[in-house]
């Protein structure tokens, strides 16, 4: 919960900061607002999960300790007894791989060699299909699924100048990530308070802070450019709150490394538009 509050606070602060920068009046000796160029990028990349990340996800999604509460009639008696029975069908699901496709939309601004942007990242939902509609005890089974999305505020610099055809752009940023999981059935858990809770047919999520680093090799054919990039994204996430039961462990490694391609469209600045209109 503490990490969630910190992440949300950082996110709101970044939005306020970049809004103030973009819409501020230009000051003498600081920057010329009419030289700012907006841009939008569309990216796709191959994302490799650190082994600790992939193993942990598979561990909590396919735990052999998952089960249901079963109530039985006591023989030759009117009373009943409730027992916990593990769900054997969990072993029939296919585990997830340690890689996936990452998709991005970037929106930002360029001031000469300096760039800043929001990297909105998401991914296709990863699905492990249910082996049957119900388990041996008659409980509903669901597809086990997970996906994540987030946003990073990035800062970059064109090393070889503002308008060179070939450029190298290192960047770094920070943001938040939301990891979402869907369990395979309406499993029962016992909370620290001694209460019993039941999983619902829905996603459960956890917020995490992120640090993102990236290096892009760009070919610039103004106003369009194409780039190849690689980088590393640091993520730390805590337990999932499942109806009041904390599933998993705190401070987990969710790091990913990535490589991909990027298509960017950079708009004209106000000064460039004025010059174009004079021609």
C-alpha atoms as a PDB file:
ATOM      1  CA  UNK A   1       0.000   0.000   0.000  1.00  0.00           C
ATOM      2  CA  UNK A   2       2.878   2.356   0.814  1.00  0.00           C
ATOM      3  CA  UNK A   3       4.455   1.729  -2.612  1.00  0.00           C
ATOM      4  CA  UNK A   4       1.115   2.414  -4.300  1.00  0.00           C
ATOM      5  CA  UNK A   5       0.820   5.810  -2.610  1.00  0.00           C
ATOM      6  CA  UNK A   6       4.406   6.723  -3.506  1.00  0.00           C
ATOM      7  CA  UNK A   7       3.879   5.649  -7.140  1.00  0.00           C
ATOM      8  CA  UNK A   8       0.655   7.631  -7.503  1.00  0.00           C
ATOM      9  CA  UNK A   9       2.280  10.699  -5.925  1.00  0.00           C
ATOM     10  CA  UNK A  10       5.225  10.499  -8.367  1.00  0.00           C
ATOM     11  CA  UNK A  11       2.864  10.110 -11.307  1.00  0.00           C
ATOM     12  CA  UNK A  12       0.775  13.171 -10.360  1.00  0.00           C
ATOM     13  CA  UNK A  13       3.938  15.189  -9.744  1.00  0.00           C
ATOM     14  CA  UNK A  14       5.347  14.339 -13.182  1.00  0.00           C
ATOM     15  CA  UNK A  15       2.123  15.338 -14.907  1.00  0.00           C
ATOM     16  CA  UNK A  16       2.104  18.685 -13.100  1.00  0.00           C
ATOM     17  CA  UNK A  17       5.780  19.313 -13.829  1.00  0.00           C
ATOM     18  CA  UNK A  18       5.693  18.638 -17.560  1.00  0.00           C
ATOM     19  CA  UNK A  19       2.448  20.600 -17.975  1.00  0.00           C
ATOM     20  CA  UNK A  20       4.033  23.591 -16.252  1.00  0.00           C
ATOM     21  CA  UNK A  21       7.107  23.346 -18.506  1.00  0.00           C
ATOM     22  CA  UNK A  22       5.264  23.041 -21.817  1.00  0.00           C
ATOM     23  CA  UNK A  23       2.733  25.789 -21.176  1.00  0.00           C
ATOM     24  CA  UNK A  24       4.980  28.207 -19.297  1.00  0.00           C
ATOM     25  CA  UNK A  25       5.834  31.573 -20.813  1.00  0.00           C
ATOM     26  CA  UNK A  26       9.354  31.656 -22.311  1.00  0.00           C
ATOM     27  CA  UNK A  27      11.931  33.385 -20.157  1.00  0.00           C
ATOM     28  CA  UNK A  28      14.915  35.353 -21.365  1.00  0.00           C
ATOM     29  CA  UNK A  29      18.009  33.144 -21.461  1.00  0.00           C
ATOM     30  CA  UNK A  30      16.179  29.918 -20.581  1.00  0.00           C
ATOM     31  CA  UNK A  31      14.405  28.646 -23.663  1.00  0.00           C
ATOM     32  CA  UNK A  32      12.531  29.836 -26.732  1.00  0.00           C
ATOM     33  CA  UNK A  33       9.067  28.317 -26.600  1.00  0.00           C
ATOM     34  CA  UNK A  34       8.507  28.725 -30.335  1.00  0.00           C
ATOM     35  CA  UNK A  35      11.432  26.366 -31.057  1.00  0.00           C
ATOM     36  CA  UNK A  36       9.733  23.446 -29.290  1.00  0.00           C
ATOM     37  CA  UNK A  37       8.630  20.602 -31.566  1.00  0.00           C
ATOM     38  CA  UNK A  38       6.054  18.055 -30.523  1.00  0.00           C
ATOM     39  CA  UNK A  39       6.314  14.429 -31.584  1.00  0.00           C
ATOM     40  CA  UNK A  40       4.514  11.116 -31.397  1.00  0.00           C
ATOM     41  CA  UNK A  41       6.055   7.646 -31.676  1.00  0.00           C
ATOM     42  CA  UNK A  42       4.769   4.114 -32.088  1.00  0.00           C
ATOM     43  CA  UNK A  43       7.038   1.310 -30.844  1.00  0.00           C
ATOM     44  CA  UNK A  44       7.103  -2.462 -30.694  1.00  0.00           C
ATOM     45  CA  UNK A  45       9.729  -4.498 -28.863  1.00  0.00           C
ATOM     46  CA  UNK A  46      10.752  -7.942 -27.667  1.00  0.00           C
ATOM     47  CA  UNK A  47      10.684  -8.037 -23.860  1.00  0.00           C
ATOM     48  CA  UNK A  48      12.672 -10.564 -21.892  1.00  0.00           C
ATOM     49  CA  UNK A  49      11.765 -11.115 -18.252  1.00  0.00           C
ATOM     50  CA  UNK A  50      14.441 -11.691 -15.636  1.00  0.00           C
ATOM     51  CA  UNK A  51      14.299 -15.304 -14.455  1.00  0.00           C
ATOM     52  CA  UNK A  52      13.233 -14.166 -10.975  1.00  0.00           C
ATOM     53  CA  UNK A  53      10.255 -12.346 -12.514  1.00  0.00           C
ATOM     54  CA  UNK A  54       9.084 -15.235 -14.701  1.00  0.00           C
ATOM     55  CA  UNK A  55       9.581 -17.833 -11.971  1.00  0.00           C
ATOM     56  CA  UNK A  56       7.708 -15.751  -9.418  1.00  0.00           C
ATOM     57  CA  UNK A  57       4.710 -15.179 -11.696  1.00  0.00           C
ATOM     58  CA  UNK A  58       4.463 -18.878 -12.501  1.00  0.00           C
ATOM     59  CA  UNK A  59       4.860 -19.713  -8.815  1.00  0.00           C
ATOM     60  CA  UNK A  60       1.930 -17.606  -7.637  1.00  0.00           C
ATOM     61  CA  UNK A  61      -0.363 -18.282 -10.613  1.00  0.00           C
ATOM     62  CA  UNK A  62       0.118 -22.059 -10.661  1.00  0.00           C
ATOM     63  CA  UNK A  63       0.566 -22.800  -6.963  1.00  0.00           C
ATOM     64  CA  UNK A  64      -0.128 -26.426  -6.046  1.00  0.00           C
ATOM     65  CA  UNK A  65      -1.500 -25.189  -2.702  1.00  0.00           C
ATOM     66  CA  UNK A  66      -4.565 -23.591  -4.319  1.00  0.00           C
ATOM     67  CA  UNK A  67      -7.834 -25.251  -3.415  1.00  0.00           C
ATOM     68  CA  UNK A  68     -11.466 -24.966  -2.325  1.00  0.00           C
ATOM     69  CA  UNK A  69     -13.490 -25.473   0.824  1.00  0.00           C
ATOM     70  CA  UNK A  70     -15.636 -28.592   0.556  1.00  0.00           C
ATOM     71  CA  UNK A  71     -18.544 -29.389   2.875  1.00  0.00           C
ATOM     72  CA  UNK A  72     -19.471 -33.017   3.515  1.00  0.00           C
ATOM     73  CA  UNK A  73     -22.287 -34.677   5.395  1.00  0.00           C
ATOM     74  CA  UNK A  74     -21.043 -36.771   8.299  1.00  0.00           C
ATOM     75  CA  UNK A  75     -22.139 -40.377   7.828  1.00  0.00           C
ATOM     76  CA  UNK A  76     -24.969 -41.458  10.178  1.00  0.00           C
ATOM     77  CA  UNK A  77     -25.199 -37.898  11.507  1.00  0.00           C
ATOM     78  CA  UNK A  78     -27.036 -34.669  10.698  1.00  0.00           C
ATOM     79  CA  UNK A  79     -23.903 -32.522  11.073  1.00  0.00           C
ATOM     80  CA  UNK A  80     -21.491 -31.461   8.336  1.00  0.00           C
ATOM     81  CA  UNK A  81     -17.749 -30.995   8.150  1.00  0.00           C
ATOM     82  CA  UNK A  82     -15.847 -28.485   6.011  1.00  0.00           C
ATOM     83  CA  UNK A  83     -12.371 -29.342   4.763  1.00  0.00           C
ATOM     84  CA  UNK A  84      -9.840 -27.711   2.446  1.00  0.00           C
ATOM     85  CA  UNK A  85      -9.037 -29.712  -0.679  1.00  0.00           C
ATOM     86  CA  UNK A  86      -6.255 -28.829  -3.099  1.00  0.00           C
ATOM     87  CA  UNK A  87      -7.177 -28.366  -6.751  1.00  0.00           C
ATOM     88  CA  UNK A  88      -5.318 -30.958  -8.818  1.00  0.00           C
ATOM     89  CA  UNK A  89      -6.339 -29.332 -12.102  1.00  0.00           C
ATOM     90  CA  UNK A  90      -3.790 -26.534 -11.578  1.00  0.00           C
ATOM     91  CA  UNK A  91      -1.040 -28.904 -12.763  1.00  0.00           C
ATOM     92  CA  UNK A  92      -2.792 -29.222 -16.147  1.00  0.00           C
ATOM     93  CA  UNK A  93      -2.270 -25.562 -17.074  1.00  0.00           C
ATOM     94  CA  UNK A  94       0.634 -24.549 -19.305  1.00  0.00           C
ATOM     95  CA  UNK A  95       3.137 -22.240 -17.607  1.00  0.00           C
ATOM     96  CA  UNK A  96       4.072 -18.847 -19.075  1.00  0.00           C
ATOM     97  CA  UNK A  97       7.216 -18.079 -21.068  1.00  0.00           C
ATOM     98  CA  UNK A  98       9.772 -15.500 -19.952  1.00  0.00           C
ATOM     99  CA  UNK A  99       9.274 -13.185 -22.943  1.00  0.00           C
ATOM    100  CA  UNK A 100       6.443 -11.209 -24.528  1.00  0.00           C
ATOM    101  CA  UNK A 101       5.651  -8.462 -27.043  1.00  0.00           C
ATOM    102  CA  UNK A 102       5.773  -4.900 -25.747  1.00  0.00           C
ATOM    103  CA  UNK A 103       3.782  -2.105 -27.417  1.00  0.00           C
ATOM    104  CA  UNK A 104       4.212   1.627 -26.863  1.00  0.00           C
ATOM    105  CA  UNK A 105       2.800   5.025 -27.737  1.00  0.00           C
ATOM    106  CA  UNK A 106       5.055   7.986 -26.953  1.00  0.00           C
ATOM    107  CA  UNK A 107       3.980  11.618 -26.822  1.00  0.00           C
ATOM    108  CA  UNK A 108       6.524  14.324 -26.126  1.00  0.00           C
ATOM    109  CA  UNK A 109       8.449  17.435 -27.057  1.00  0.00           C
ATOM    110  CA  UNK A 110      11.875  18.222 -28.521  1.00  0.00           C
ATOM    111  CA  UNK A 111      13.861  21.372 -27.788  1.00  0.00           C
ATOM    112  CA  UNK A 112      16.916  21.370 -30.048  1.00  0.00           C
ATOM    113  CA  UNK A 113      18.892  18.306 -28.837  1.00  0.00           C
ATOM    114  CA  UNK A 114      16.855  17.736 -25.679  1.00  0.00           C
ATOM    115  CA  UNK A 115      13.810  15.448 -25.715  1.00  0.00           C
ATOM    116  CA  UNK A 116      11.223  14.593 -23.083  1.00  0.00           C
ATOM    117  CA  UNK A 117       8.210  12.350 -23.483  1.00  0.00           C
ATOM    118  CA  UNK A 118       5.664  10.074 -21.871  1.00  0.00           C
ATOM    119  CA  UNK A 119       6.139   6.411 -22.798  1.00  0.00           C
ATOM    120  CA  UNK A 120       2.743   4.703 -22.497  1.00  0.00           C
ATOM    121  CA  UNK A 121       3.454   0.974 -22.555  1.00  0.00           C
ATOM    122  CA  UNK A 122       1.159  -2.039 -22.716  1.00  0.00           C
ATOM    123  CA  UNK A 123       1.156  -5.640 -23.945  1.00  0.00           C
ATOM    124  CA  UNK A 124      -1.142  -8.382 -25.259  1.00  0.00           C
ATOM    125  CA  UNK A 125      -2.728 -10.413 -22.467  1.00  0.00           C
ATOM    126  CA  UNK A 126      -0.815 -13.637 -21.772  1.00  0.00           C
ATOM    127  CA  UNK A 127      -3.253 -16.573 -21.492  1.00  0.00           C
ATOM    128  CA  UNK A 128      -2.933 -20.138 -20.208  1.00  0.00           C
ATOM    129  CA  UNK A 129      -6.149 -21.843 -21.270  1.00  0.00           C
ATOM    130  CA  UNK A 130      -8.208 -23.838 -18.783  1.00  0.00           C
ATOM    131  CA  UNK A 131      -7.994 -27.638 -19.202  1.00  0.00           C
ATOM    132  CA  UNK A 132     -11.755 -28.056 -18.658  1.00  0.00           C
ATOM    133  CA  UNK A 133     -14.804 -26.002 -17.741  1.00  0.00           C
ATOM    134  CA  UNK A 134     -14.879 -27.490 -14.197  1.00  0.00           C
ATOM    135  CA  UNK A 135     -12.519 -29.429 -11.951  1.00  0.00           C
ATOM    136  CA  UNK A 136     -13.188 -32.874 -10.464  1.00  0.00           C
ATOM    137  CA  UNK A 137     -15.165 -31.324  -7.590  1.00  0.00           C
ATOM    138  CA  UNK A 138     -17.423 -29.325  -9.880  1.00  0.00           C
ATOM    139  CA  UNK A 139     -15.826 -25.900  -9.322  1.00  0.00           C
ATOM    140  CA  UNK A 140     -15.581 -23.539 -12.296  1.00  0.00           C
ATOM    141  CA  UNK A 141     -12.183 -23.201 -13.936  1.00  0.00           C
ATOM    142  CA  UNK A 142     -10.977 -20.055 -15.732  1.00  0.00           C
ATOM    143  CA  UNK A 143      -8.167 -19.179 -18.096  1.00  0.00           C
ATOM    144  CA  UNK A 144      -5.145 -18.022 -16.094  1.00  0.00           C
ATOM    145  CA  UNK A 145      -4.060 -14.628 -17.427  1.00  0.00           C
ATOM    146  CA  UNK A 146      -1.691 -11.772 -16.780  1.00  0.00           C
ATOM    147  CA  UNK A 147      -0.724  -8.478 -18.392  1.00  0.00           C
ATOM    148  CA  UNK A 148       0.840  -5.185 -17.397  1.00  0.00           C
ATOM    149  CA  UNK A 149       0.769  -1.585 -18.522  1.00  0.00           C
ATOM    150  CA  UNK A 150       2.300   1.648 -17.320  1.00  0.00           C
ATOM    151  CA  UNK A 151       3.739   5.034 -18.114  1.00  0.00           C
ATOM    152  CA  UNK A 152       7.294   6.396 -17.838  1.00  0.00           C
ATOM    153  CA  UNK A 153       8.422  10.015 -18.059  1.00  0.00           C
ATOM    154  CA  UNK A 154      11.583   9.898 -20.175  1.00  0.00           C
ATOM    155  CA  UNK A 155      14.431  12.379 -20.779  1.00  0.00           C
ATOM    156  CA  UNK A 156      16.806  12.028 -23.739  1.00  0.00           C
ATOM    157  CA  UNK A 157      19.591  13.841 -25.598  1.00  0.00           C
ATOM    158  CA  UNK A 158      20.606  13.739 -29.281  1.00  0.00           C
ATOM    159  CA  UNK A 159      24.356  13.152 -29.044  1.00  0.00           C
ATOM    160  CA  UNK A 160      25.202  14.018 -32.665  1.00  0.00           C
ATOM    161  CA  UNK A 161      23.292  17.282 -32.944  1.00  0.00           C
ATOM    162  CA  UNK A 162      19.726  18.387 -33.533  1.00  0.00           C
ATOM    163  CA  UNK A 163      19.274  17.640 -37.242  1.00  0.00           C
ATOM    164  CA  UNK A 164      21.809  14.979 -38.255  1.00  0.00           C
ATOM    165  CA  UNK A 165      20.502  12.081 -40.331  1.00  0.00           C
ATOM    166  CA  UNK A 166      22.014   9.442 -38.031  1.00  0.00           C
ATOM    167  CA  UNK A 167      21.812  10.021 -34.292  1.00  0.00           C
ATOM    168  CA  UNK A 168      22.347   8.247 -31.011  1.00  0.00           C
ATOM    169  CA  UNK A 169      19.888   9.054 -28.218  1.00  0.00           C
ATOM    170  CA  UNK A 170      20.437   7.823 -24.646  1.00  0.00           C
ATOM    171  CA  UNK A 171      17.505   8.353 -22.291  1.00  0.00           C
ATOM    172  CA  UNK A 172      16.410   7.660 -18.742  1.00  0.00           C
ATOM    173  CA  UNK A 173      13.114   8.030 -16.930  1.00  0.00           C
ATOM    174  CA  UNK A 174      10.850   6.912 -14.136  1.00  0.00           C
ATOM    175  CA  UNK A 175       7.187   6.065 -13.780  1.00  0.00           C
ATOM    176  CA  UNK A 176       4.671   3.484 -12.641  1.00  0.00           C
ATOM    177  CA  UNK A 177       3.593   0.010 -13.707  1.00  0.00           C
ATOM    178  CA  UNK A 178       0.368  -1.916 -13.075  1.00  0.00           C
ATOM    179  CA  UNK A 179       0.639  -5.722 -13.045  1.00  0.00           C
ATOM    180  CA  UNK A 180      -2.650  -7.627 -13.387  1.00  0.00           C
ATOM    181  CA  UNK A 181      -3.357 -11.332 -12.790  1.00  0.00           C
ATOM    182  CA  UNK A 182      -6.416 -13.580 -13.145  1.00  0.00           C
ATOM    183  CA  UNK A 183      -6.425 -16.839 -11.168  1.00  0.00           C
ATOM    184  CA  UNK A 184      -7.742 -20.173 -12.408  1.00  0.00           C
ATOM    185  CA  UNK A 185     -10.742 -20.669 -10.105  1.00  0.00           C
ATOM    186  CA  UNK A 186     -12.666 -19.316  -7.103  1.00  0.00           C
ATOM    187  CA  UNK A 187      -9.996 -20.461  -4.682  1.00  0.00           C
ATOM    188  CA  UNK A 188     -10.340 -20.079  -0.921  1.00  0.00           C
ATOM    189  CA  UNK A 189      -7.741 -18.329   1.260  1.00  0.00           C
ATOM    190  CA  UNK A 190      -7.473 -17.679   4.976  1.00  0.00           C
ATOM    191  CA  UNK A 191      -6.447 -14.131   5.952  1.00  0.00           C
ATOM    192  CA  UNK A 192      -4.258 -13.124   8.901  1.00  0.00           C
ATOM    193  CA  UNK A 193      -7.446 -12.219  10.804  1.00  0.00           C
ATOM    194  CA  UNK A 194      -8.679 -15.785  10.498  1.00  0.00           C
ATOM    195  CA  UNK A 195     -11.367 -14.974   7.944  1.00  0.00           C
ATOM    196  CA  UNK A 196     -11.866 -17.090   4.827  1.00  0.00           C
ATOM    197  CA  UNK A 197     -12.099 -15.243   1.507  1.00  0.00           C
ATOM    198  CA  UNK A 198     -12.950 -16.542  -1.949  1.00  0.00           C
ATOM    199  CA  UNK A 199     -11.329 -15.412  -5.196  1.00  0.00           C
ATOM    200  CA  UNK A 200     -13.703 -13.830  -7.687  1.00  0.00           C
ATOM    201  CA  UNK A 201     -13.728 -14.104 -11.480  1.00  0.00           C
ATOM    202  CA  UNK A 202     -11.781 -10.874 -11.985  1.00  0.00           C
ATOM    203  CA  UNK A 203      -8.292  -9.368 -12.273  1.00  0.00           C
ATOM    204  CA  UNK A 204      -6.200  -8.445  -9.229  1.00  0.00           C
ATOM    205  CA  UNK A 205      -3.560  -5.740  -9.572  1.00  0.00           C
ATOM    206  CA  UNK A 206      -0.511  -4.207  -7.931  1.00  0.00           C
ATOM    207  CA  UNK A 207       1.114  -0.800  -8.588  1.00  0.00           C
ATOM    208  CA  UNK A 208       4.907  -0.563  -8.825  1.00  0.00           C
ATOM    209  CA  UNK A 209       7.485   2.241  -9.269  1.00  0.00           C
ATOM    210  CA  UNK A 210       9.784   1.951 -12.301  1.00  0.00           C
ATOM    211  CA  UNK A 211      13.116   3.224 -13.619  1.00  0.00           C
ATOM    212  CA  UNK A 212      13.613   2.982 -17.384  1.00  0.00           C
ATOM    213  CA  UNK A 213      16.851   3.311 -19.401  1.00  0.00           C
ATOM    214  CA  UNK A 214      17.123   3.221 -23.178  1.00  0.00           C
ATOM    215  CA  UNK A 215      19.554   3.766 -26.056  1.00  0.00           C
ATOM    216  CA  UNK A 216      18.191   4.485 -29.550  1.00  0.00           C
ATOM    217  CA  UNK A 217      20.003   4.526 -32.893  1.00  0.00           C
ATOM    218  CA  UNK A 218      17.875   6.801 -35.086  1.00  0.00           C
ATOM    219  CA  UNK A 219      17.754   7.551 -38.814  1.00  0.00           C
ATOM    220  CA  UNK A 220      16.092  10.954 -39.169  1.00  0.00           C
ATOM    221  CA  UNK A 221      14.311  11.842 -42.421  1.00  0.00           C
ATOM    222  CA  UNK A 222      12.509  14.881 -41.029  1.00  0.00           C
ATOM    223  CA  UNK A 223       9.616  14.916 -40.179  1.00  0.00           C
ATOM    224  CA  UNK A 224       9.667  11.108 -39.931  1.00  0.00           C
ATOM    225  CA  UNK A 225      12.348   8.965 -38.355  1.00  0.00           C
ATOM    226  CA  UNK A 226      12.908   5.299 -37.648  1.00  0.00           C
ATOM    227  CA  UNK A 227      14.976   3.953 -34.792  1.00  0.00           C
ATOM    228  CA  UNK A 228      16.253   0.733 -33.266  1.00  0.00           C
ATOM    229  CA  UNK A 229      16.545   0.722 -29.500  1.00  0.00           C
ATOM    230  CA  UNK A 230      17.427  -1.427 -26.508  1.00  0.00           C
ATOM    231  CA  UNK A 231      17.183  -0.914 -22.790  1.00  0.00           C
ATOM    232  CA  UNK A 232      16.381  -2.110 -19.303  1.00  0.00           C
ATOM    233  CA  UNK A 233      13.359  -1.369 -17.089  1.00  0.00           C
ATOM    234  CA  UNK A 234      13.607  -1.788 -13.324  1.00  0.00           C
ATOM    235  CA  UNK A 235      10.362  -2.762 -11.553  1.00  0.00           C
ATOM    236  CA  UNK A 236       9.749  -3.754  -7.922  1.00  0.00           C
ATOM    237  CA  UNK A 237       6.309  -4.991  -6.908  1.00  0.00           C
ATOM    238  CA  UNK A 238       4.694  -6.271  -3.726  1.00  0.00           C
ATOM    239  CA  UNK A 239       1.938  -8.765  -2.915  1.00  0.00           C
ATOM    240  CA  UNK A 240      -1.451  -8.871  -4.608  1.00  0.00           C
ATOM    241  CA  UNK A 241      -4.413  -7.939  -2.418  1.00  0.00           C
ATOM    242  CA  UNK A 242      -6.876 -10.749  -3.165  1.00  0.00           C
ATOM    243  CA  UNK A 243     -10.085  -9.929  -1.291  1.00  0.00           C
ATOM    244  CA  UNK A 244      -8.040  -8.999   1.783  1.00  0.00           C
ATOM    245  CA  UNK A 245      -5.586 -11.906   1.488  1.00  0.00           C
ATOM    246  CA  UNK A 246      -2.016 -10.962   0.535  1.00  0.00           C
ATOM    247  CA  UNK A 247      -0.970 -13.332  -2.245  1.00  0.00           C
ATOM    248  CA  UNK A 248       2.752 -13.563  -2.914  1.00  0.00           C
ATOM    249  CA  UNK A 249       5.737 -11.905  -1.269  1.00  0.00           C
ATOM    250  CA  UNK A 250       6.948  -8.290  -0.860  1.00  0.00           C
ATOM    251  CA  UNK A 251       9.707  -6.608  -2.882  1.00  0.00           C
ATOM    252  CA  UNK A 252       9.752  -8.808  -5.987  1.00  0.00           C
ATOM    253  CA  UNK A 253      12.048  -8.344  -8.992  1.00  0.00           C
ATOM    254  CA  UNK A 254       9.975  -7.495 -12.070  1.00  0.00           C
ATOM    255  CA  UNK A 255      12.851  -6.269 -14.281  1.00  0.00           C
ATOM    256  CA  UNK A 256      12.736  -6.632 -18.062  1.00  0.00           C
ATOM    257  CA  UNK A 257      15.265  -6.035 -20.829  1.00  0.00           C
ATOM    258  CA  UNK A 258      14.068  -5.137 -24.306  1.00  0.00           C
ATOM    259  CA  UNK A 259      14.973  -4.393 -27.917  1.00  0.00           C
ATOM    260  CA  UNK A 260      12.700  -3.025 -30.599  1.00  0.00           C
ATOM    261  CA  UNK A 261      11.922  -0.547 -33.363  1.00  0.00           C
ATOM    262  CA  UNK A 262      10.341   2.886 -33.223  1.00  0.00           C
ATOM    263  CA  UNK A 263       8.606   5.099 -35.801  1.00  0.00           C
ATOM    264  CA  UNK A 264       8.485   8.815 -34.916  1.00  0.00           C
ATOM    265  CA  UNK A 265       6.647  11.768 -36.439  1.00  0.00           C
ATOM    266  CA  UNK A 266       8.035  15.153 -35.328  1.00  0.00           C
ATOM    267  CA  UNK A 267       5.878  18.229 -35.881  1.00  0.00           C
ATOM    268  CA  UNK A 268       7.099  21.644 -36.976  1.00  0.00           C
ATOM    269  CA  UNK A 269       7.829  24.269 -34.343  1.00  0.00           C
ATOM    270  CA  UNK A 270       6.062  27.627 -34.443  1.00  0.00           C
ATOM    271  CA  UNK A 271       9.174  29.290 -35.890  1.00  0.00           C
ATOM    272  CA  UNK A 272       9.463  26.607 -38.586  1.00  0.00           C
ATOM    273  CA  UNK A 273       5.811  27.114 -39.524  1.00  0.00           C
ATOM    274  CA  UNK A 274       6.344  30.869 -39.849  1.00  0.00           C
ATOM    275  CA  UNK A 275       9.408  30.306 -42.039  1.00  0.00           C
ATOM    276  CA  UNK A 276       7.478  27.838 -44.213  1.00  0.00           C
ATOM    277  CA  UNK A 277       4.623  30.308 -44.673  1.00  0.00           C
ATOM    278  CA  UNK A 278       7.037  32.990 -45.873  1.00  0.00           C
ATOM    279  CA  UNK A 279       8.450  30.767 -48.609  1.00  0.00           C
END
